[in-house]
Amino acid sequence: MKVLMVVTTWWLFTVLVFATASPDLQQRLQDLDTFIQNLMTCEFRPVVGLTVSVVKDGQTIFAKGYGQRDLQTGQAVDNRTLFGVGSISKSFTSALLAAILGEREDVSWDTVLTDILGPSFRFRDQFRTEEATLRDLLAHKTGLENLGFVLRMGEDIDRSELARRMRYYRQVFPFRAQWYYNNPAYSLVGHAAEKLAGKPYETLLRERILQPLGMDDTVYLADTLEEGDFTNFAQSYLTYNLTGPSEAYTREMFRVLKLHLPAGGVVSNALDMARYMKFHLSGGRDTAGRLVVPEDTLRQTHTADAIMPGSFAIEKLEPDWPVEVAMTQGYGMGWWTGTYRGYRRVQHVGFVEGFSSLISLFPGVSGGLFTSTNGPMSPGLRQVNKDVHQVIHNQVGDILIGKAHWLNATTACTYPEPWWARPEPNSTVLPEITDNFPRDKRDYEGVYGNHAAGNLTISLNTTDNKLYFSLGLIGRGVVLPTVSDNQILLRCQGPLAYFPYLISDVEVKYSKVFSLSMQSYPPEPSVVFERGLKLTDPDPTEPEWDDCTGVSGSPKGAAWNSLFVILFSVLLV
């Protein structure tokens, strides 16, 4: 009976949509439905489930689900099925800040962070500390490291402690010199919102954005651990190759998103995201026309503030594509900006624990669309998932701006070919594993600390005589020796079993293991965990201002070539 009600609801919704659309638009939406159904059957486009919503001129003109939300039960996706939206959450954070700033005259996007967090807050160097603003953090201009693998393991701290630890984050690029994506910076902005408004971020987002917009189904990813199963919540999946089976992600993975909700922890569905798109396209108003966020303040989040580096911007548009597809050119505050076929397009992607999403706004024609899938994800399939979103967004973009389609059923399955060859996934050679450690296993036991990343613990299990490590909330696994006396591998188990190895260089002093240097995501420098380092506050060994000389990673430096093997890159792209 419940299934029948879902189907009936979608049928009524479809009739309502088509009844309010012009005959030409009705036909194009019907063709879109057929197009997406065909896309779901592409041999090299493996998708478990997909949700889509489209808005135009203040109306939701399309909202539908495809595929399955749970392979075990066979339950289908509908327009109320919940998906993790990943880094699209960043635009929720900038919208929340816009709402708070709109109520105050003493703060703006260019308010220095120390004026909000207080004089005890600091970055590693004096210049960043005295100059960094909300805009700098939201536009990814800090140039600081992400500590990506630490984020994957989760940190058992609150946002106040994260703010304290920011003083230990090292420079990858000079301040404001280059756009460099940073997830912790958004969690820090979430803490700034808490300081400004005097409530937890979770409460503020619900009170200032979600409730006024009627986004009653929208929840937070970490809540799925504490409140049991949500009705109509999609199970996310991973796979190791295109033809292999899909494996379900464990919800333990969601635990890390409690701290980093402002960067990637929002969960929503097609209908609620349609409300969210209409909010942005209407200049900060709800469906009844009431102002939720001042238009000028909100519009600034859509305005490019940082130029994208060459690796993220496609400079050659012709003759690679049959139409002008500029993709992204700059970054605002939680939004990429660019053009599509002569029309301005504002976008953001999101990847989190098997979910992949894309949102696109076309302000010039008051239109937008949102898509999300629940997998399967893996390094080789990440681009494939992105291609699925791009194909749909190009197709719907043509409908919104009133132009003929340049993709068809065949090219939708081969996209971006034949115009542009998809790059091969990067491959990394692991150090060879051996049977024996070069020293007594007990020499590795201990607690190793890093002021920014927390504690890494290694212990010997006397039952199986194996070394095990523990890092963060969910980082657990076994320590393995390699053919190099000064290198070990940490193989993850449990929730992070798909995230197989961390490579660590071992430093020995006075014949004893002194530190473990975990090779990180290039271009970031390795993260050094020192034996016995205490994470005290205040830190008696805290240095004076650091001018960052000698700690900067660089695409031309050695860190760029560091080996770090994972089966999924840093979350919340």
Protein backbone atom coordinates (compact mmCIF):
# COMPACT_ATOMS: atom_id res chain seq x y z
CA MET A 1 0.00 0.00 0.00
CA LYS A 2 2.84 2.35 0.83
CA VAL A 3 4.45 1.76 -2.57
CA LEU A 4 1.16 2.47 -4.30
CA MET A 5 0.87 5.76 -2.44
CA VAL A 6 4.37 6.78 -3.57
CA VAL A 7 3.60 6.01 -7.19
CA THR A 8 0.27 7.81 -6.99
CA THR A 9 1.93 10.87 -5.45
CA TRP A 10 4.44 11.04 -8.30
CA TRP A 11 1.68 10.66 -10.91
CA LEU A 12 -0.30 13.53 -9.39
CA PHE A 13 2.82 15.64 -9.19
CA THR A 14 3.62 14.97 -12.83
CA VAL A 15 0.14 16.02 -13.90
CA LEU A 16 0.46 19.21 -11.84
CA VAL A 17 3.82 20.04 -13.40
CA PHE A 18 2.74 19.44 -16.97
CA ALA A 19 -0.50 21.32 -16.42
CA THR A 20 1.44 24.47 -15.55
CA ALA A 21 3.96 24.14 -18.38
CA SER A 22 3.65 25.21 -22.00
CA PRO A 23 3.03 22.42 -24.55
CA ASP A 24 6.61 22.69 -25.80
CA LEU A 25 8.01 22.50 -22.26
CA GLN A 26 5.73 19.57 -21.46
CA GLN A 27 7.14 17.66 -24.40
CA ARG A 28 10.72 18.50 -23.53
CA LEU A 29 10.19 17.32 -19.95
CA GLN A 30 8.66 14.08 -21.18
CA ASP A 31 11.66 13.63 -23.46
CA LEU A 32 13.93 14.39 -20.50
CA ASP A 33 12.32 11.59 -18.53
CA THR A 34 12.99 9.15 -21.38
CA PHE A 35 16.53 10.49 -21.78
CA ILE A 36 17.36 9.90 -18.10
CA GLN A 37 15.84 6.42 -18.14
CA ASN A 38 18.09 5.55 -21.09
CA LEU A 39 21.09 7.08 -19.33
CA MET A 40 20.49 4.77 -16.35
CA THR A 41 20.98 1.77 -18.67
CA CYS A 42 24.33 2.84 -20.16
CA GLU A 43 26.83 0.00 -19.83
CA PHE A 44 29.61 2.24 -18.54
CA ARG A 45 27.35 4.50 -16.47
CA PRO A 46 26.71 2.36 -13.38
CA VAL A 47 24.23 4.19 -11.14
CA VAL A 48 22.31 2.63 -8.26
CA GLY A 49 19.79 5.41 -7.71
CA LEU A 50 19.28 8.97 -8.93
CA THR A 51 17.10 11.89 -7.91
CA VAL A 52 16.41 14.96 -10.09
CA SER A 53 14.59 18.25 -9.58
CA VAL A 54 14.21 21.21 -11.95
CA VAL A 55 12.83 24.68 -11.22
CA LYS A 56 11.87 27.51 -13.57
CA ASP A 57 10.32 30.92 -12.89
CA GLY A 58 9.55 30.09 -9.28
CA GLN A 59 7.91 26.74 -10.05
CA THR A 60 9.08 23.16 -9.59
CA ILE A 61 8.61 21.76 -13.08
CA PHE A 62 10.23 18.35 -12.63
CA ALA A 63 11.03 16.17 -9.62
CA LYS A 64 11.53 12.44 -9.94
CA GLY A 65 13.58 9.50 -8.73
CA TYR A 66 15.18 6.70 -10.75
CA GLY A 67 16.73 3.38 -9.82
CA GLN A 68 16.96 1.97 -6.31
CA ARG A 69 17.60 3.54 -2.96
CA ASP A 70 18.40 0.16 -1.42
CA LEU A 71 19.67 -2.80 -3.42
CA GLN A 72 18.90 -5.27 -0.64
CA THR A 73 15.23 -4.36 -0.31
CA GLY A 74 14.72 -3.24 -3.89
CA GLN A 75 13.02 -0.02 -2.76
CA ALA A 76 12.84 2.61 -5.49
CA VAL A 77 14.01 6.22 -5.37
CA ASP A 78 11.25 8.84 -5.41
CA ASN A 79 11.29 12.62 -5.20
CA ARG A 80 11.40 12.54 -1.39
CA THR A 81 14.26 10.04 -1.04
CA LEU A 82 17.07 11.57 1.03
CA PHE A 83 20.62 11.83 -0.35
CA GLY A 84 23.81 13.26 1.15
CA VAL A 85 24.58 16.44 -0.82
CA GLY A 86 28.26 16.62 0.21
CA SER A 87 29.97 19.94 -0.46
CA ILE A 88 26.76 21.55 -1.67
CA SER A 89 26.45 21.99 2.10
CA LYS A 90 29.00 24.79 1.76
CA SER A 91 26.41 26.99 0.06
CA PHE A 92 24.10 26.38 3.03
CA THR A 93 26.86 27.69 5.29
CA SER A 94 27.40 30.83 3.21
CA ALA A 95 23.61 31.36 3.05
CA LEU A 96 23.42 31.06 6.85
CA LEU A 97 26.19 33.62 7.24
CA ALA A 98 24.35 35.89 4.80
CA ALA A 99 21.25 35.65 6.99
CA ILE A 100 23.25 36.51 10.13
CA LEU A 101 25.15 39.36 8.48
CA GLY A 102 21.88 40.78 7.19
CA GLU A 103 20.75 41.35 10.78
CA ARG A 104 23.89 43.15 11.93
CA GLU A 105 25.72 46.32 10.99
CA ASP A 106 28.92 45.51 12.86
CA VAL A 107 30.02 42.54 10.72
CA SER A 108 30.35 41.85 6.99
CA TRP A 109 31.95 39.36 4.63
CA ASP A 110 35.19 41.31 5.11
CA THR A 111 35.22 41.25 8.90
CA VAL A 112 38.50 39.87 10.20
CA LEU A 113 38.05 36.49 11.83
CA THR A 114 39.72 37.50 15.10
CA ASP A 115 37.02 40.17 15.55
CA ILE A 116 34.51 37.31 15.72
CA LEU A 117 36.45 34.51 17.42
CA GLY A 118 38.40 36.74 19.79
CA PRO A 119 42.07 37.65 20.27
CA SER A 120 43.04 34.14 21.37
CA PHE A 121 42.30 32.79 17.88
CA ARG A 122 45.30 32.59 15.59
CA PHE A 123 46.68 30.97 12.50
CA ARG A 124 50.29 29.79 12.26
CA ASP A 125 51.52 33.16 11.00
CA GLN A 126 50.76 36.71 12.04
CA PHE A 127 49.72 38.00 8.61
CA ARG A 128 46.90 35.45 8.17
CA THR A 129 45.78 35.98 11.74
CA GLU A 130 45.49 39.74 11.37
CA GLU A 131 44.04 39.77 7.84
CA ALA A 132 41.93 36.63 7.20
CA THR A 133 38.22 37.37 6.78
CA LEU A 134 35.03 35.37 6.39
CA ARG A 135 35.30 35.96 2.64
CA ASP A 136 38.83 34.51 2.55
CA LEU A 137 37.70 31.29 4.22
CA LEU A 138 34.52 30.92 2.18
CA ALA A 139 36.38 31.57 -1.09
CA HIS A 140 39.17 29.06 -0.25
CA LYS A 141 41.93 31.65 -0.19
CA THR A 142 43.69 30.72 3.06
CA GLY A 143 46.27 28.50 1.33
CA LEU A 144 46.28 26.13 4.32
CA GLU A 145 46.49 22.35 4.32
CA ASN A 146 43.36 20.18 4.44
CA LEU A 147 44.72 17.29 6.49
CA GLY A 148 42.59 15.17 4.17
CA PHE A 149 43.28 11.70 5.52
CA VAL A 150 42.78 12.98 9.09
CA LEU A 151 39.39 14.32 8.04
CA ARG A 152 38.54 10.88 6.63
CA MET A 153 39.38 9.27 9.97
CA GLY A 154 37.35 11.84 11.91
CA GLU A 155 38.38 13.98 14.85
CA ASP A 156 36.72 13.54 18.23
CA ILE A 157 36.59 17.27 18.92
CA ASP A 158 34.07 20.10 18.68
CA ARG A 159 34.33 23.19 16.46
CA SER A 160 35.76 25.26 19.30
CA GLU A 161 38.69 22.85 19.56
CA LEU A 162 39.02 22.85 15.78
CA ALA A 163 39.36 26.63 15.94
CA ARG A 164 42.15 26.28 18.51
CA ARG A 165 43.98 23.70 16.39
CA MET A 166 43.90 25.92 13.30
CA ARG A 167 47.08 27.60 14.59
CA TYR A 168 48.92 24.40 13.70
CA TYR A 169 47.65 24.08 10.10
CA ARG A 170 50.58 24.61 7.73
CA GLN A 171 50.81 26.65 4.58
CA VAL A 172 50.53 24.96 1.19
CA PHE A 173 50.28 28.23 -0.77
CA PRO A 174 50.83 31.82 0.40
CA PHE A 175 47.76 33.58 1.78
CA ARG A 176 45.44 34.83 -1.00
CA ALA A 177 47.99 33.83 -3.64
CA GLN A 178 46.01 30.91 -5.05
CA TRP A 179 42.63 29.25 -4.72
CA TYR A 180 43.07 26.04 -2.71
CA TYR A 181 40.08 24.00 -1.57
CA ASN A 182 39.84 23.66 2.20
CA ASN A 183 37.14 21.77 4.08
CA PRO A 184 38.19 22.64 7.67
CA ALA A 185 37.90 26.33 6.78
CA TYR A 186 34.15 25.87 6.27
CA SER A 187 33.78 24.13 9.61
CA LEU A 188 35.64 27.08 11.11
CA VAL A 189 33.16 29.47 9.46
CA GLY A 190 30.39 27.37 11.02
CA HIS A 191 31.99 28.05 14.38
CA ALA A 192 32.10 31.76 13.55
CA ALA A 193 28.34 31.62 12.92
CA GLU A 194 27.92 30.03 16.35
CA LYS A 195 29.89 32.86 17.93
CA LEU A 196 27.91 35.54 16.11
CA ALA A 197 24.45 34.13 16.83
CA GLY A 198 25.02 32.32 20.12
CA LYS A 199 23.61 28.94 19.09
CA PRO A 200 24.98 25.67 17.67
CA TYR A 201 25.39 25.60 13.91
CA GLU A 202 22.86 22.75 13.66
CA THR A 203 20.20 24.89 15.33
CA LEU A 204 21.06 28.04 13.38
CA LEU A 205 20.86 26.36 9.99
CA ARG A 206 17.48 24.88 10.81
CA GLU A 207 16.07 28.11 12.26
CA ARG A 208 17.47 30.58 9.72
CA ILE A 209 17.38 28.60 6.45
CA LEU A 210 15.65 25.20 6.50
CA GLN A 211 12.47 26.05 8.42
CA PRO A 212 11.76 29.38 6.66
CA LEU A 213 12.11 27.64 3.29
CA GLY A 214 9.89 24.72 4.28
CA MET A 215 12.74 22.24 3.89
CA ASP A 216 11.21 19.99 6.53
CA ASP A 217 12.69 16.75 5.15
CA THR A 218 16.26 18.03 5.17
CA VAL A 219 18.43 16.56 7.94
CA TYR A 220 22.09 16.07 8.85
CA LEU A 221 24.17 13.05 7.91
CA ALA A 222 25.53 12.42 11.42
CA ASP A 223 21.95 12.30 12.76
CA THR A 224 21.41 8.96 11.03
CA LEU A 225 23.68 7.44 13.69
CA GLU A 226 21.89 8.89 16.69
CA GLU A 227 18.24 8.75 15.70
CA GLY A 228 18.01 5.42 13.89
CA ASP A 229 16.84 4.91 10.33
CA PHE A 230 15.28 7.82 8.55
CA THR A 231 12.27 7.01 6.44
CA ASN A 232 13.17 7.02 2.76
CA PHE A 233 16.92 7.49 3.28
CA ALA A 234 19.08 6.20 0.41
CA GLN A 235 21.75 3.61 1.13
CA SER A 236 25.02 4.61 -0.52
CA TYR A 237 27.39 2.19 -2.26
CA LEU A 238 30.96 1.69 -3.42
CA THR A 239 32.51 -0.61 -6.00
CA TYR A 240 36.03 -1.54 -7.02
CA ASN A 241 35.47 -1.75 -10.79
CA LEU A 242 32.83 -1.05 -13.41
CA THR A 243 31.58 -4.61 -13.60
CA GLY A 244 32.04 -5.57 -9.96
CA PRO A 245 29.41 -5.78 -7.21
CA SER A 246 28.23 -2.78 -5.22
CA GLU A 247 28.95 -2.82 -1.49
CA ALA A 248 27.00 -0.78 1.03
CA TYR A 249 28.74 1.97 3.00
CA THR A 250 28.42 1.58 6.75
CA ARG A 251 26.83 4.51 8.53
CA GLU A 252 29.82 4.67 10.86
CA MET A 253 31.39 6.66 8.04
CA PHE A 254 28.90 9.44 8.72
CA ARG A 255 30.34 10.02 12.20
CA VAL A 256 33.05 12.33 10.85
CA LEU A 257 30.39 14.70 9.48
CA LYS A 258 29.23 15.79 12.92
CA LEU A 259 32.20 18.15 13.20
CA HIS A 260 32.26 19.01 9.50
CA LEU A 261 28.53 19.52 8.90
CA PRO A 262 29.20 23.08 7.60
CA ALA A 263 31.47 21.62 4.92
CA GLY A 264 29.55 18.55 3.79
CA GLY A 265 26.95 17.09 6.17
CA VAL A 266 23.54 18.14 4.78
CA VAL A 267 21.05 15.48 3.62
CA SER A 268 18.13 16.48 1.40
CA ASN A 269 15.81 15.38 -1.40
CA ALA A 270 14.58 16.59 -4.78
CA LEU A 271 11.59 18.54 -3.48
CA ASP A 272 13.44 20.30 -0.68
CA MET A 273 16.36 21.13 -2.98
CA ALA A 274 13.85 22.63 -5.42
CA ARG A 275 12.79 24.99 -2.61
CA TYR A 276 16.45 25.77 -1.95
CA MET A 277 17.12 26.60 -5.60
CA LYS A 278 14.08 28.88 -5.76
CA PHE A 279 15.36 30.65 -2.65
CA HIS A 280 18.65 31.48 -4.37
CA LEU A 281 17.06 32.40 -7.71
CA SER A 282 14.50 34.71 -6.07
CA GLY A 283 17.09 36.77 -4.24
CA GLY A 284 16.71 35.16 -0.82
CA ARG A 285 12.94 34.73 -0.57
CA ASP A 286 10.79 31.81 0.50
CA THR A 287 7.98 30.34 -1.62
CA ALA A 288 5.55 32.92 -0.21
CA GLY A 289 7.80 35.82 -1.26
CA ARG A 290 8.99 36.66 2.25
CA LEU A 291 12.60 37.83 2.51
CA VAL A 292 14.75 35.28 4.38
CA VAL A 293 18.18 36.69 3.48
CA PRO A 294 18.96 40.18 2.11
CA GLU A 295 19.36 39.91 -1.65
CA ASP A 296 22.59 41.90 -1.94
CA THR A 297 24.28 39.85 0.78
CA LEU A 298 23.19 36.55 -0.74
CA ARG A 299 24.13 37.55 -4.29
CA GLN A 300 27.72 38.11 -3.17
CA THR A 301 28.03 34.37 -2.49
CA HIS A 302 27.35 33.78 -6.22
CA THR A 303 30.02 36.27 -7.34
CA ALA A 304 33.48 34.99 -8.27
CA ASP A 305 36.07 36.08 -5.74
CA ALA A 306 38.91 33.69 -6.59
CA ILE A 307 40.21 32.70 -10.02
CA MET A 308 40.35 28.96 -10.53
CA PRO A 309 43.81 27.48 -11.15
CA GLY A 310 44.52 25.81 -14.48
CA SER A 311 43.84 22.31 -13.17
CA PHE A 312 40.24 23.24 -12.40
CA ALA A 313 39.44 25.53 -15.34
CA ILE A 314 39.10 24.50 -18.96
CA GLU A 315 40.61 27.29 -21.03
CA LYS A 316 40.26 25.74 -24.48
CA LEU A 317 36.57 25.68 -25.39
CA GLU A 318 36.76 25.09 -29.14
CA PRO A 319 37.02 22.86 -31.05
CA ASP A 320 36.78 20.33 -28.22
CA TRP A 321 33.04 20.83 -27.76
CA PRO A 322 30.31 21.46 -30.34
CA VAL A 323 28.92 24.20 -28.07
CA GLU A 324 30.42 26.68 -25.64
CA VAL A 325 30.80 24.82 -22.33
CA ALA A 326 33.00 26.98 -20.15
CA MET A 327 32.27 24.93 -17.03
CA THR A 328 33.93 26.76 -14.11
CA GLN A 329 35.99 29.92 -14.19
CA GLY A 330 35.92 31.28 -10.65
CA TYR A 331 34.77 30.59 -7.10
CA GLY A 332 32.50 32.73 -4.98
CA MET A 333 31.50 31.69 -1.47
CA GLY A 334 30.24 28.12 -1.67
CA TRP A 335 29.61 28.34 -5.43
CA TRP A 336 31.58 27.83 -8.65
CA THR A 337 30.80 30.38 -11.34
CA GLY A 338 31.02 30.02 -15.09
CA THR A 339 28.97 29.99 -18.28
CA TYR A 340 27.07 27.54 -20.43
CA ARG A 341 26.17 28.37 -24.04
CA GLY A 342 26.34 32.09 -23.36
CA TYR A 343 24.39 32.00 -20.09
CA ARG A 344 25.82 32.49 -16.62
CA ARG A 345 25.84 29.28 -14.60
CA VAL A 346 26.47 28.95 -10.85
CA GLN A 347 27.26 25.44 -9.64
CA HIS A 348 28.66 23.22 -6.94
CA VAL A 349 29.43 19.52 -6.73
CA GLY A 350 29.26 17.31 -3.67
CA PHE A 351 30.84 13.95 -2.84
CA VAL A 352 30.36 12.26 0.52
CA GLU A 353 30.48 8.59 1.52
CA GLY A 354 29.17 7.16 -1.76
CA PHE A 355 26.79 10.02 -2.58
CA SER A 356 27.56 12.36 -5.48
CA SER A 357 25.57 15.50 -6.28
CA LEU A 358 25.50 18.57 -8.51
CA ILE A 359 23.46 21.76 -8.32
CA SER A 360 23.29 24.31 -11.16
CA LEU A 361 21.62 27.71 -11.20
CA PHE A 362 20.94 29.78 -14.35
CA PRO A 363 20.08 33.21 -12.86
CA GLY A 364 19.45 34.81 -16.26
CA VAL A 365 16.49 32.53 -16.98
CA SER A 366 15.48 31.95 -13.35
CA GLY A 367 16.10 28.23 -13.64
CA GLY A 368 18.02 25.55 -11.80
CA LEU A 369 18.45 21.82 -11.34
CA PHE A 370 19.71 19.40 -8.73
CA THR A 371 20.85 15.79 -9.17
CA SER A 372 22.18 13.26 -6.70
CA THR A 373 23.17 9.58 -6.85
CA ASN A 374 23.83 7.02 -4.13
CA GLY A 375 26.70 5.37 -5.96
CA PRO A 376 28.46 3.21 -6.62
CA MET A 377 31.63 5.21 -5.97
CA SER A 378 35.33 4.41 -6.28
CA PRO A 379 38.38 6.26 -7.62
CA GLY A 380 37.86 4.99 -11.15
CA LEU A 381 34.14 5.76 -11.04
CA ARG A 382 34.28 9.22 -9.53
CA GLN A 383 34.69 10.84 -12.94
CA VAL A 384 32.01 8.53 -14.34
CA ASN A 385 29.58 9.74 -11.66
CA LYS A 386 30.53 13.32 -12.47
CA ASP A 387 29.86 12.61 -16.14
CA VAL A 388 26.33 11.39 -15.33
CA HIS A 389 25.60 14.67 -13.57
CA GLN A 390 27.16 16.78 -16.30
CA VAL A 391 25.16 15.00 -19.01
CA ILE A 392 21.86 15.64 -17.22
CA HIS A 393 22.77 19.23 -16.35
CA ASN A 394 23.74 19.98 -19.94
CA GLN A 395 20.49 18.46 -21.17
CA VAL A 396 18.34 20.36 -18.69
CA GLY A 397 20.40 23.51 -19.22
CA ASP A 398 19.37 23.40 -22.89
CA ILE A 399 15.72 23.20 -21.84
CA LEU A 400 16.00 26.09 -19.37
CA ILE A 401 17.71 28.44 -21.85
CA GLY A 402 15.55 27.32 -24.77
CA LYS A 403 18.17 25.82 -27.07
CA ALA A 404 18.35 22.60 -29.06
CA HIS A 405 20.10 19.66 -27.44
CA TRP A 406 23.63 18.79 -28.53
CA LEU A 407 23.69 15.45 -26.66
CA ASN A 408 21.65 12.40 -27.67
CA ALA A 409 21.14 8.90 -26.29
CA THR A 410 24.41 7.68 -27.81
CA THR A 411 26.70 10.56 -26.86
CA ALA A 412 25.16 10.66 -23.38
CA CYS A 413 26.67 7.22 -22.79
CA THR A 414 30.10 8.09 -24.23
CA TYR A 415 30.40 11.65 -22.83
CA PRO A 416 32.87 13.40 -22.76
CA GLU A 417 33.99 11.35 -25.75
CA PRO A 418 34.18 11.74 -28.70
CA TRP A 419 35.02 15.39 -28.08
CA TRP A 420 37.33 15.04 -25.10
CA ALA A 421 39.17 11.97 -23.85
CA ARG A 422 38.55 11.13 -20.21
CA PRO A 423 41.89 11.03 -18.33
CA GLU A 424 42.98 7.70 -16.91
CA PRO A 425 42.79 7.38 -13.10
CA ASN A 426 46.09 8.00 -11.36
CA SER A 427 47.89 4.88 -10.26
CA THR A 428 50.37 4.63 -7.44
CA VAL A 429 52.86 1.86 -6.74
CA LEU A 430 52.78 0.68 -3.14
CA PRO A 431 55.93 -0.23 -1.26
CA GLU A 432 56.37 -3.99 -1.22
CA ILE A 433 55.06 -5.67 1.92
CA THR A 434 57.37 -8.10 3.69
CA ASP A 435 56.90 -10.68 6.46
CA ASN A 436 59.00 -9.18 9.22
CA PHE A 437 59.62 -5.81 10.83
CA PRO A 438 63.25 -4.62 10.97
CA ARG A 439 62.97 -4.20 14.75
CA ASP A 440 61.03 -5.58 17.67
CA LYS A 441 57.31 -4.88 17.23
CA ARG A 442 57.14 -3.44 20.72
CA ASP A 443 59.42 -0.62 19.58
CA TYR A 444 56.54 0.76 17.52
CA GLU A 445 54.02 0.74 20.36
CA GLY A 446 52.96 4.07 21.82
CA VAL A 447 50.93 7.24 21.39
CA TYR A 448 52.12 9.60 18.68
CA GLY A 449 50.78 13.14 18.65
CA ASN A 450 50.32 15.95 16.15
CA HIS A 451 48.97 19.29 17.39
CA ALA A 452 46.66 19.70 14.40
CA ALA A 453 45.71 16.08 13.73
CA GLY A 454 45.45 14.59 17.22
CA ASN A 455 46.76 11.23 18.46
CA LEU A 456 47.81 8.13 16.55
CA THR A 457 48.06 5.04 18.76
CA ILE A 458 49.91 1.83 17.88
CA SER A 459 49.56 -1.27 20.07
CA LEU A 460 50.62 -4.91 19.94
CA ASN A 461 47.88 -7.55 20.16
CA THR A 462 49.44 -10.45 22.07
CA THR A 463 46.78 -12.86 20.81
CA ASP A 464 47.69 -12.67 17.11
CA ASN A 465 51.04 -10.91 17.57
CA LYS A 466 50.04 -8.12 15.18
CA LEU A 467 50.45 -4.37 15.46
CA TYR A 468 47.25 -2.30 15.24
CA PHE A 469 46.73 1.43 14.88
CA SER A 470 43.97 3.79 15.95
CA LEU A 471 43.49 7.31 14.55
CA GLY A 472 40.48 9.55 15.08
CA LEU A 473 36.88 8.41 15.34
CA ILE A 474 36.88 5.53 12.86
CA GLY A 475 40.49 5.05 11.74
CA ARG A 476 41.38 1.50 12.74
CA GLY A 477 43.60 -1.16 11.18
CA VAL A 478 46.76 -3.22 11.09
CA VAL A 479 50.37 -2.06 10.74
CA LEU A 480 52.43 -3.87 8.08
CA PRO A 481 56.19 -3.97 7.41
CA THR A 482 57.71 -3.16 4.01
CA VAL A 483 60.99 -3.95 2.30
CA SER A 484 62.21 -0.54 3.46
CA ASP A 485 63.42 -0.47 7.07
CA ASN A 486 62.18 3.11 7.37
CA GLN A 487 58.68 2.71 5.96
CA ILE A 488 55.51 1.00 7.16
CA LEU A 489 51.97 0.65 5.81
CA LEU A 490 48.81 1.20 7.82
CA ARG A 491 45.98 -0.85 6.32
CA CYS A 492 42.53 0.32 7.32
CA GLN A 493 39.83 -2.06 8.51
CA GLY A 494 36.21 -1.67 9.63
CA PRO A 495 34.32 1.30 8.13
CA LEU A 496 37.40 2.44 6.22
CA ALA A 497 38.30 -0.95 4.76
CA TYR A 498 37.83 0.46 1.23
CA PHE A 499 40.46 3.09 2.09
CA PRO A 500 43.26 0.55 2.12
CA TYR A 501 46.67 1.98 2.95
CA LEU A 502 48.41 4.90 4.58
CA ILE A 503 52.14 5.14 3.90
CA SER A 504 54.29 6.25 6.80
CA ASP A 505 57.99 7.03 6.97
CA VAL A 506 59.60 6.00 10.25
CA GLU A 507 62.15 8.28 11.90
CA VAL A 508 64.50 6.73 14.43
CA LYS A 509 66.44 8.68 17.08
CA TYR A 510 68.85 7.15 19.54
CA SER A 511 67.92 3.67 18.22
CA LYS A 512 64.23 4.20 19.03
CA VAL A 513 61.21 5.02 16.88
CA PHE A 514 60.72 8.75 17.35
CA SER A 515 58.07 9.75 14.83
CA LEU A 516 55.80 8.55 12.03
CA SER A 517 55.49 10.78 8.98
CA MET A 518 52.20 10.07 7.19
CA GLN A 519 52.38 10.83 3.49
CA SER A 520 49.45 13.06 2.56
CA TYR A 521 47.47 14.23 -0.45
CA PRO A 522 49.75 16.20 -2.79
CA PRO A 523 50.59 19.03 -2.81
CA GLU A 524 50.34 18.94 0.99
CA PRO A 525 53.36 18.07 3.15
CA SER A 526 53.49 14.88 5.18
CA VAL A 527 51.87 14.91 8.63
CA VAL A 528 54.35 14.07 11.39
CA PHE A 529 53.18 12.30 14.55
CA GLU A 530 55.77 12.46 17.35
CA ARG A 531 55.98 9.86 20.07
CA GLY A 532 54.71 11.16 23.40
CA LEU A 533 53.69 14.60 22.11
CA LYS A 534 51.08 16.05 24.48
CA LEU A 535 48.12 17.95 23.02
CA THR A 536 47.86 20.33 25.94
CA ASP A 537 46.16 23.71 25.93
CA PRO A 538 47.92 26.03 26.35
CA ASP A 539 50.80 24.33 24.61
CA PRO A 540 54.03 25.16 26.51
CA THR A 541 56.07 24.47 23.39
CA GLU A 542 53.97 26.69 21.11
CA PRO A 543 56.37 28.73 18.98
CA GLU A 544 56.25 32.41 18.24
CA TRP A 545 54.84 33.56 14.92
CA ASP A 546 55.87 31.34 12.01
CA ASP A 547 56.56 33.06 8.69
CA CYS A 548 55.73 29.73 7.01
CA THR A 549 59.17 29.52 5.41
CA GLY A 550 60.11 25.93 4.76
CA VAL A 551 56.70 24.39 5.42
CA SER A 552 55.01 25.28 2.18
CA GLY A 553 54.10 22.46 -0.13
CA SER A 554 54.25 23.18 -3.83
CA PRO A 555 53.23 21.43 -7.03
CA LYS A 556 56.92 21.61 -7.92
CA GLY A 557 58.10 20.39 -4.52
CA ALA A 558 58.73 16.95 -3.18
CA ALA A 559 55.32 16.78 -1.51
CA TRP A 560 53.69 16.79 -4.94
CA ASN A 561 55.25 13.39 -5.58
CA SER A 562 54.39 11.89 -2.19
CA LEU A 563 52.84 8.46 -2.31
CA PHE A 564 49.51 8.15 -0.61
CA VAL A 565 47.17 5.41 -1.67
CA ILE A 566 43.44 5.47 -1.09
CA LEU A 567 40.38 4.17 -2.89
CA PHE A 568 38.54 7.44 -2.46
CA SER A 569 39.89 10.95 -2.38
CA VAL A 570 39.14 13.63 0.21
CA LEU A 571 35.46 14.08 0.87
CA LEU A 572 33.31 17.11 -0.04
CA VAL A 573 34.99 18.16 -3.21
